[in-house]
Amino acid sequence: MRVSSMVASIVSRLGLAMVVTASSVTALVQDEASAQVARPTPLRWSAPVEGAIVAEFREPSHRYGPGHRGLDFAAEPSTPVQVAGAGVVIFAGRIGEAEYVTVDHGDGVVTTYSYLAEVSVARGERVRRGQTVGASGAMGSGHEGAVVHFGLRVDGAYRDPRLLLRRIVPADVVRLDTELG
């Protein structure tokens, strides 16, 4: 698959639309209707908590290689953790010392919420954007305080969750093109 096709596929799955001219991609917007006027629209996705990001995404060099497969948000214990977008819970339970929730949003898009102290959803449950799926409070490996780890996979490959949290602009497409090879 050509890099531009891969970028277009990921952008489409995240609920965005590309505005293309004869010379280049001019903008990425929330939906086809707004492509006509290219005005900002509300994002389809939201952050799981309002805390500061204390650990950035670092893509692994291969499936099992070192990296950081998501974003870590600082969160006081017992902070409600909200799902980024509508979907179906495919995992809710304990792994090691913490609780985890994984949500399938369709079209190969999956998000994870890790280092939770408790889970408030069950496998198979349909969730809507902003619905509480658990509470923070577990300690993340290598962190001094409680964090919420927010991960994103598209077709099984880890991607930077920031793609969900802000409007993508043409410079991001160029950056993605460069990173993907």
Protein backbone atom coordinates (compact mmCIF):
# COMPACT_ATOMS: atom_id res chain seq x y z
CA MET A 1 0.00 0.00 0.00
CA ARG A 2 1.37 3.44 -0.90
CA VAL A 3 2.03 5.72 2.07
CA SER A 4 -0.51 8.28 0.85
CA SER A 5 -3.15 5.51 0.62
CA MET A 6 -2.26 4.34 4.13
CA VAL A 7 -2.57 7.87 5.51
CA ALA A 8 -5.90 8.34 3.72
CA SER A 9 -7.17 5.05 5.16
CA ILE A 10 -6.20 5.97 8.74
CA VAL A 11 -7.65 9.47 8.39
CA SER A 12 -10.91 8.03 7.09
CA ARG A 13 -11.18 5.50 9.92
CA LEU A 14 -10.71 8.26 12.49
CA GLY A 15 -13.77 10.03 11.13
CA LEU A 16 -12.01 12.77 9.17
CA ALA A 17 -12.21 13.70 5.49
CA MET A 18 -9.47 15.00 3.21
CA VAL A 19 -9.97 18.09 1.07
CA VAL A 20 -7.87 17.48 -2.03
CA THR A 21 -7.00 19.89 -4.83
CA ALA A 22 -5.16 19.13 -8.04
CA SER A 23 -1.85 20.01 -6.38
CA SER A 24 -2.13 18.72 -2.81
CA VAL A 25 -4.14 17.92 0.28
CA THR A 26 -5.31 21.32 1.49
CA ALA A 27 -7.05 20.35 4.72
CA LEU A 28 -8.34 17.51 6.82
CA VAL A 29 -11.74 18.21 8.30
CA GLN A 30 -14.26 16.42 10.44
CA ASP A 31 -16.72 15.34 7.75
CA GLU A 32 -17.58 15.61 4.06
CA ALA A 33 -20.18 18.35 4.66
CA SER A 34 -17.65 20.62 6.33
CA ALA A 35 -15.26 19.96 3.45
CA GLN A 36 -17.48 22.24 1.39
CA VAL A 37 -16.87 25.21 3.70
CA ALA A 38 -13.68 24.04 5.46
CA ARG A 39 -14.77 25.46 8.82
CA PRO A 40 -13.74 23.93 12.14
CA THR A 41 -16.14 21.33 13.51
CA PRO A 42 -16.28 19.59 16.90
CA LEU A 43 -13.94 16.64 17.21
CA ARG A 44 -15.45 13.14 17.16
CA TRP A 45 -13.00 11.98 19.85
CA SER A 46 -12.04 13.23 23.31
CA ALA A 47 -9.25 12.67 25.83
CA PRO A 48 -9.95 10.12 28.58
CA VAL A 49 -9.06 12.64 31.35
CA GLU A 50 -8.11 16.32 31.53
CA GLY A 51 -4.65 15.79 33.04
CA ALA A 52 -1.32 16.81 31.54
CA ILE A 53 0.44 14.33 29.27
CA VAL A 54 3.42 13.00 31.24
CA ALA A 55 4.66 10.39 28.74
CA GLU A 56 4.47 10.68 24.95
CA PHE A 57 3.85 8.00 22.32
CA ARG A 58 7.04 6.34 21.03
CA GLU A 59 6.40 3.91 18.20
CA PRO A 60 8.14 0.55 18.60
CA SER A 61 10.52 -0.46 15.80
CA HIS A 62 8.71 -3.81 15.55
CA ARG A 63 5.65 -5.47 17.12
CA TYR A 64 7.43 -6.52 20.32
CA GLY A 65 10.16 -3.86 20.33
CA PRO A 66 10.69 -1.18 22.96
CA GLY A 67 8.56 1.94 22.79
CA HIS A 68 5.64 3.60 24.53
CA ARG A 69 2.43 2.51 22.85
CA GLY A 70 0.24 5.41 23.92
CA LEU A 71 0.00 8.60 25.94
CA ASP A 72 0.11 8.76 29.74
CA PHE A 73 -2.05 11.42 31.37
CA ALA A 74 -1.46 12.56 34.96
CA ALA A 75 -4.60 11.82 36.96
CA GLU A 76 -5.43 12.08 40.65
CA PRO A 77 -6.66 8.79 42.14
CA SER A 78 -10.39 8.18 41.57
CA THR A 79 -10.56 10.52 38.54
CA PRO A 80 -13.30 9.28 36.17
CA VAL A 81 -11.81 7.91 32.94
CA GLN A 82 -13.97 8.50 29.88
CA VAL A 83 -14.02 6.63 26.59
CA ALA A 84 -12.67 8.64 23.64
CA GLY A 85 -15.41 7.63 21.19
CA ALA A 86 -18.43 5.37 20.77
CA GLY A 87 -17.80 1.65 20.51
CA VAL A 88 -18.08 -1.77 22.15
CA VAL A 89 -16.02 -2.91 25.15
CA ILE A 90 -13.98 -5.96 24.09
CA PHE A 91 -11.98 -6.30 27.32
CA ALA A 92 -12.56 -5.06 30.85
CA GLY A 93 -10.50 -6.54 33.64
CA ARG A 94 -7.28 -6.96 35.54
CA ILE A 95 -3.86 -7.43 34.01
CA GLY A 96 -1.12 -7.58 36.63
CA GLU A 97 -1.63 -4.88 39.23
CA ALA A 98 -4.13 -2.71 37.35
CA GLU A 99 -7.47 -2.72 35.58
CA TYR A 100 -7.74 -2.22 31.81
CA VAL A 101 -10.51 -1.42 29.33
CA THR A 102 -10.29 -1.95 25.57
CA VAL A 103 -12.93 -0.52 23.20
CA ASP A 104 -13.48 -1.46 19.56
CA HIS A 105 -14.73 1.57 17.60
CA GLY A 106 -15.17 -0.33 14.31
CA ASP A 107 -13.20 -0.15 11.08
CA GLY A 108 -10.08 -1.51 12.80
CA VAL A 109 -9.88 1.35 15.35
CA VAL A 110 -9.31 0.21 18.97
CA THR A 111 -8.51 2.30 22.07
CA THR A 112 -7.19 1.15 25.44
CA TYR A 113 -7.39 2.69 28.91
CA SER A 114 -4.82 1.32 31.34
CA TYR A 115 -3.59 1.67 34.93
CA LEU A 116 -7.13 1.97 36.25
CA ALA A 117 -8.00 1.36 39.89
CA GLU A 118 -11.49 0.20 38.96
CA VAL A 119 -13.58 -0.61 35.89
CA SER A 120 -17.24 0.40 35.51
CA VAL A 121 -18.10 -1.36 32.22
CA ALA A 122 -18.29 -4.97 31.10
CA ARG A 123 -17.20 -6.87 28.01
CA GLY A 124 -19.80 -6.55 25.25
CA GLU A 125 -21.23 -3.28 26.58
CA ARG A 126 -21.85 -0.48 24.07
CA VAL A 127 -20.34 2.82 25.20
CA ARG A 128 -20.75 6.37 23.96
CA ARG A 129 -18.10 9.07 23.71
CA GLY A 130 -17.47 10.58 27.15
CA GLN A 131 -18.99 7.69 29.09
CA THR A 132 -17.07 6.75 32.23
CA VAL A 133 -15.37 3.36 31.84
CA GLY A 134 -13.42 3.35 35.11
CA ALA A 135 -11.42 5.37 37.60
CA SER A 136 -7.72 6.20 37.75
CA GLY A 137 -5.52 5.26 40.63
CA ALA A 138 -3.14 2.45 39.69
CA MET A 139 0.54 3.24 39.30
CA GLY A 140 2.04 3.08 35.82
CA SER A 141 5.44 1.50 35.42
CA GLY A 142 8.15 4.16 35.72
CA HIS A 143 5.83 6.91 36.99
CA GLU A 144 5.88 8.64 40.35
CA GLY A 145 2.12 9.14 40.52
CA ALA A 146 -1.11 7.75 39.16
CA VAL A 147 -1.52 7.94 35.40
CA VAL A 148 -4.04 6.89 32.77
CA HIS A 149 -2.45 5.22 29.77
CA PHE A 150 -4.40 5.88 26.54
CA GLY A 151 -3.53 3.69 23.56
CA LEU A 152 -4.67 3.57 19.93
CA ARG A 153 -4.41 0.76 17.40
CA VAL A 154 -5.50 0.94 13.77
CA ASP A 155 -5.66 -2.48 12.09
CA GLY A 156 -3.58 -3.87 14.95
CA ALA A 157 -0.74 -1.35 14.54
CA TYR A 158 -0.03 1.09 17.36
CA ARG A 159 -0.57 4.73 16.41
CA ASP A 160 -0.13 8.02 18.26
CA PRO A 161 -3.42 8.71 20.11
CA ARG A 162 -2.92 12.43 19.49
CA LEU A 163 -4.38 11.68 16.05
CA LEU A 164 -7.73 11.38 17.82
CA LEU A 165 -7.38 14.43 20.03
CA ARG A 166 -6.80 17.29 17.62
CA ARG A 167 -7.63 18.41 14.15
CA ILE A 168 -5.09 17.11 11.66
CA VAL A 169 -3.56 19.68 9.31
CA PRO A 170 -1.61 19.18 6.06
CA ALA A 171 1.72 19.44 7.92
CA ASP A 172 0.72 16.31 9.87
CA VAL A 173 0.16 14.41 6.66
CA VAL A 174 3.67 15.34 5.52
CA ARG A 175 5.07 14.31 8.91
CA LEU A 176 3.22 10.98 8.78
CA ASP A 177 4.44 10.41 5.23
CA THR A 178 8.01 10.93 6.39
CA GLU A 179 7.68 8.66 9.43
CA LEU A 180 6.04 5.82 7.53
CA GLY A 181 8.81 5.64 5.01
